[in-house]
Amino acid sequence: MAVQSRSKVLNPTNDFLESLLGEFEAECRRVLQLIEQLKKADPESELHEDLEGDFFASLQRFTWLPKDILREWDKVIARLPEED
């Protein structure tokens, strides 16, 4: 998923970390969108069932995407010069 041209989220950072943050931001928006769609869909419909599957998949991404962000952020911080 491409990161749109925007200011950096973190400082210091790198392109990979910013890309991960962009994915996380997009996934957050997707989850909120799915919640709204689920509220409006007939609970007995096939659409609701499909939305539930998409919602589950999005929530699964929340189990690993923050870990990847933290791991990369740790790498960025580890490369900083030591403060005296």
N, C-alpha and C. Protein backbone atom coordinates (compact mmCIF):
# COMPACT_ATOMS: atom_id res chain seq x y z
N MET A 1 0.85 -1.16 0.00
CA MET A 1 0.00 0.00 0.00
C MET A 1 0.90 1.23 0.00
N ALA A 2 0.72 2.12 -0.91
CA ALA A 2 1.57 3.29 -1.05
C ALA A 2 1.20 4.36 -0.03
N VAL A 3 2.23 5.04 0.45
CA VAL A 3 2.01 6.16 1.36
C VAL A 3 1.88 7.42 0.52
N GLN A 4 0.83 8.17 0.77
CA GLN A 4 0.63 9.40 0.04
C GLN A 4 1.65 10.43 0.48
N SER A 5 1.93 11.39 -0.38
CA SER A 5 2.86 12.45 -0.06
C SER A 5 2.30 13.28 1.09
N ARG A 6 3.01 13.29 2.21
CA ARG A 6 2.57 14.03 3.38
C ARG A 6 3.76 14.22 4.28
N SER A 7 3.56 15.00 5.32
CA SER A 7 4.66 15.20 6.26
C SER A 7 4.91 13.91 7.03
N LYS A 8 6.08 13.81 7.58
CA LYS A 8 6.48 12.63 8.33
C LYS A 8 5.71 12.57 9.65
N VAL A 9 5.39 11.36 10.08
CA VAL A 9 4.70 11.15 11.34
C VAL A 9 5.68 11.21 12.50
N LEU A 10 6.81 10.54 12.35
CA LEU A 10 7.80 10.46 13.42
C LEU A 10 9.09 11.17 13.02
N ASN A 11 9.85 11.53 14.02
CA ASN A 11 11.15 12.14 13.78
C ASN A 11 12.06 11.69 14.91
N PRO A 12 13.09 10.92 14.65
CA PRO A 12 13.56 10.45 13.35
C PRO A 12 12.69 9.32 12.82
N THR A 13 12.87 9.06 11.53
CA THR A 13 12.09 8.04 10.86
C THR A 13 12.85 7.51 9.66
N ASN A 14 12.24 6.59 8.94
CA ASN A 14 12.75 6.15 7.65
C ASN A 14 11.56 5.83 6.76
N ASP A 15 11.82 5.58 5.51
CA ASP A 15 10.72 5.36 4.56
C ASP A 15 9.89 4.13 4.92
N PHE A 16 10.55 3.07 5.38
CA PHE A 16 9.82 1.85 5.71
C PHE A 16 8.89 2.08 6.90
N LEU A 17 9.38 2.76 7.92
CA LEU A 17 8.57 3.05 9.10
C LEU A 17 7.38 3.92 8.71
N GLU A 18 7.61 4.92 7.90
CA GLU A 18 6.51 5.79 7.45
C GLU A 18 5.49 5.00 6.62
N SER A 19 5.98 4.05 5.83
CA SER A 19 5.08 3.21 5.05
C SER A 19 4.21 2.36 5.98
N LEU A 20 4.82 1.78 7.01
CA LEU A 20 4.05 1.01 7.98
C LEU A 20 3.01 1.87 8.68
N LEU A 21 3.38 3.08 9.03
CA LEU A 21 2.44 3.99 9.67
C LEU A 21 1.29 4.35 8.73
N GLY A 22 1.60 4.50 7.45
CA GLY A 22 0.55 4.75 6.46
C GLY A 22 -0.41 3.58 6.35
N GLU A 23 0.13 2.36 6.39
CA GLU A 23 -0.72 1.17 6.36
C GLU A 23 -1.61 1.10 7.60
N PHE A 24 -1.03 1.42 8.75
CA PHE A 24 -1.80 1.40 9.99
C PHE A 24 -2.92 2.44 9.96
N GLU A 25 -2.61 3.61 9.47
CA GLU A 25 -3.62 4.67 9.34
C GLU A 25 -4.76 4.22 8.42
N ALA A 26 -4.40 3.64 7.29
CA ALA A 26 -5.41 3.16 6.35
C ALA A 26 -6.26 2.05 6.97
N GLU A 27 -5.62 1.17 7.72
CA GLU A 27 -6.35 0.06 8.35
C GLU A 27 -7.30 0.59 9.43
N CYS A 28 -6.87 1.60 10.17
CA CYS A 28 -7.77 2.22 11.16
C CYS A 28 -9.01 2.79 10.48
N ARG A 29 -8.80 3.48 9.39
CA ARG A 29 -9.93 4.03 8.65
C ARG A 29 -10.83 2.92 8.13
N ARG A 30 -10.23 1.84 7.67
CA ARG A 30 -11.00 0.71 7.13
C ARG A 30 -11.86 0.09 8.24
N VAL A 31 -11.31 -0.08 9.42
CA VAL A 31 -12.07 -0.66 10.53
C VAL A 31 -13.26 0.23 10.87
N LEU A 32 -13.04 1.53 10.95
CA LEU A 32 -14.14 2.44 11.25
C LEU A 32 -15.22 2.39 10.17
N GLN A 33 -14.79 2.32 8.92
CA GLN A 33 -15.74 2.22 7.81
C GLN A 33 -16.55 0.93 7.91
N LEU A 34 -15.89 -0.16 8.22
CA LEU A 34 -16.58 -1.45 8.35
C LEU A 34 -17.58 -1.43 9.51
N ILE A 35 -17.22 -0.81 10.60
CA ILE A 35 -18.15 -0.72 11.73
C ILE A 35 -19.42 0.02 11.31
N GLU A 36 -19.25 1.12 10.60
CA GLU A 36 -20.42 1.87 10.13
C GLU A 36 -21.26 1.05 9.16
N GLN A 37 -20.62 0.31 8.28
CA GLN A 37 -21.36 -0.52 7.33
C GLN A 37 -22.08 -1.66 8.04
N LEU A 38 -21.44 -2.25 9.04
CA LEU A 38 -22.07 -3.32 9.80
C LEU A 38 -23.30 -2.83 10.54
N LYS A 39 -23.25 -1.63 11.07
CA LYS A 39 -24.39 -1.05 11.78
C LYS A 39 -25.60 -0.90 10.86
N LYS A 40 -25.34 -0.62 9.59
CA LYS A 40 -26.42 -0.34 8.64
C LYS A 40 -26.94 -1.59 7.93
N ALA A 41 -26.13 -2.62 7.88
CA ALA A 41 -26.50 -3.83 7.13
C ALA A 41 -27.46 -4.70 7.96
N ASP A 42 -28.35 -5.38 7.26
CA ASP A 42 -29.25 -6.34 7.89
C ASP A 42 -28.41 -7.47 8.48
N PRO A 43 -28.52 -7.71 9.80
CA PRO A 43 -27.69 -8.73 10.44
C PRO A 43 -27.86 -10.13 9.86
N GLU A 44 -28.95 -10.37 9.19
CA GLU A 44 -29.21 -11.70 8.61
C GLU A 44 -28.77 -11.79 7.14
N SER A 45 -28.22 -10.74 6.61
CA SER A 45 -27.89 -10.70 5.18
C SER A 45 -26.50 -11.28 4.89
N GLU A 46 -26.34 -11.65 3.63
CA GLU A 46 -25.03 -12.12 3.17
C GLU A 46 -24.02 -10.97 3.22
N LEU A 47 -24.49 -9.76 2.94
CA LEU A 47 -23.61 -8.59 3.00
C LEU A 47 -23.04 -8.45 4.42
N HIS A 48 -23.87 -8.59 5.42
CA HIS A 48 -23.40 -8.48 6.81
C HIS A 48 -22.35 -9.54 7.10
N GLU A 49 -22.60 -10.75 6.63
CA GLU A 49 -21.64 -11.83 6.83
C GLU A 49 -20.29 -11.52 6.16
N ASP A 50 -20.35 -10.99 4.94
CA ASP A 50 -19.12 -10.60 4.24
C ASP A 50 -18.39 -9.48 4.98
N LEU A 51 -19.15 -8.51 5.46
CA LEU A 51 -18.55 -7.40 6.21
C LEU A 51 -17.90 -7.89 7.49
N GLU A 52 -18.54 -8.85 8.16
CA GLU A 52 -17.95 -9.42 9.37
C GLU A 52 -16.61 -10.09 9.06
N GLY A 53 -16.54 -10.78 7.94
CA GLY A 53 -15.28 -11.40 7.54
C GLY A 53 -14.20 -10.37 7.28
N ASP A 54 -14.57 -9.29 6.59
CA ASP A 54 -13.61 -8.21 6.34
C ASP A 54 -13.17 -7.55 7.64
N PHE A 55 -14.13 -7.37 8.55
CA PHE A 55 -13.84 -6.76 9.85
C PHE A 55 -12.86 -7.64 10.63
N PHE A 56 -13.10 -8.94 10.65
CA PHE A 56 -12.21 -9.87 11.33
C PHE A 56 -10.79 -9.79 10.74
N ALA A 57 -10.71 -9.78 9.41
CA ALA A 57 -9.39 -9.70 8.76
C ALA A 57 -8.67 -8.41 9.13
N SER A 58 -9.41 -7.30 9.16
CA SER A 58 -8.79 -6.03 9.54
C SER A 58 -8.30 -6.06 10.98
N LEU A 59 -9.09 -6.64 11.86
CA LEU A 59 -8.66 -6.74 13.25
C LEU A 59 -7.43 -7.62 13.41
N GLN A 60 -7.33 -8.65 12.58
CA GLN A 60 -6.15 -9.50 12.61
C GLN A 60 -4.89 -8.71 12.28
N ARG A 61 -5.03 -7.77 11.35
CA ARG A 61 -3.87 -6.93 11.00
C ARG A 61 -3.40 -6.12 12.20
N PHE A 62 -4.33 -5.80 13.09
CA PHE A 62 -3.95 -5.05 14.29
C PHE A 62 -3.11 -5.89 15.25
N THR A 63 -3.07 -7.19 15.07
CA THR A 63 -2.25 -8.02 15.94
C THR A 63 -0.78 -8.00 15.53
N TRP A 64 -0.51 -7.77 14.24
CA TRP A 64 0.89 -7.78 13.80
C TRP A 64 1.41 -6.44 13.32
N LEU A 65 0.58 -5.59 12.77
CA LEU A 65 1.07 -4.32 12.22
C LEU A 65 1.70 -3.43 13.30
N PRO A 66 1.07 -3.26 14.47
CA PRO A 66 1.75 -2.45 15.51
C PRO A 66 3.08 -3.05 15.95
N LYS A 67 3.19 -4.36 15.97
CA LYS A 67 4.46 -4.99 16.33
C LYS A 67 5.54 -4.64 15.31
N ASP A 68 5.17 -4.66 14.03
CA ASP A 68 6.13 -4.29 12.98
C ASP A 68 6.55 -2.83 13.12
N ILE A 69 5.59 -1.97 13.43
CA ILE A 69 5.90 -0.55 13.61
C ILE A 69 6.87 -0.37 14.78
N LEU A 70 6.57 -0.99 15.90
CA LEU A 70 7.45 -0.85 17.07
C LEU A 70 8.83 -1.42 16.82
N ARG A 71 8.90 -2.55 16.13
CA ARG A 71 10.19 -3.16 15.81
C ARG A 71 11.04 -2.22 14.94
N GLU A 72 10.41 -1.64 13.90
CA GLU A 72 11.16 -0.74 13.02
C GLU A 72 11.52 0.55 13.73
N TRP A 73 10.62 1.06 14.56
CA TRP A 73 10.90 2.27 15.31
C TRP A 73 12.09 2.05 16.26
N ASP A 74 12.14 0.89 16.89
CA ASP A 74 13.28 0.55 17.74
C ASP A 74 14.59 0.57 16.95
N LYS A 75 14.55 0.06 15.72
CA LYS A 75 15.74 0.07 14.87
C LYS A 75 16.18 1.50 14.57
N VAL A 76 15.22 2.36 14.27
CA VAL A 76 15.54 3.76 13.97
C VAL A 76 16.17 4.42 15.19
N ILE A 77 15.58 4.21 16.34
CA ILE A 77 16.11 4.81 17.57
C ILE A 77 17.49 4.25 17.90
N ALA A 78 17.70 2.97 17.68
CA ALA A 78 18.99 2.34 17.97
C ALA A 78 20.11 2.91 17.12
N ARG A 79 19.79 3.43 15.95
CA ARG A 79 20.81 3.99 15.06
C ARG A 79 21.15 5.44 15.40
N LEU A 80 20.44 6.02 16.36
CA LEU A 80 20.74 7.40 16.75
C LEU A 80 22.06 7.45 17.50
N PRO A 81 22.77 8.55 17.35
CA PRO A 81 24.00 8.69 18.13
C PRO A 81 23.69 8.77 19.63
N GLU A 82 24.59 8.25 20.42
CA GLU A 82 24.42 8.30 21.88
C GLU A 82 24.51 9.74 22.36
N GLU A 83 23.63 10.08 23.31
CA GLU A 83 23.69 11.41 23.92
C GLU A 83 24.66 11.36 25.09
N ASP A 84 25.39 12.44 25.26
CA ASP A 84 26.35 12.50 26.38
C ASP A 84 25.68 12.85 27.67
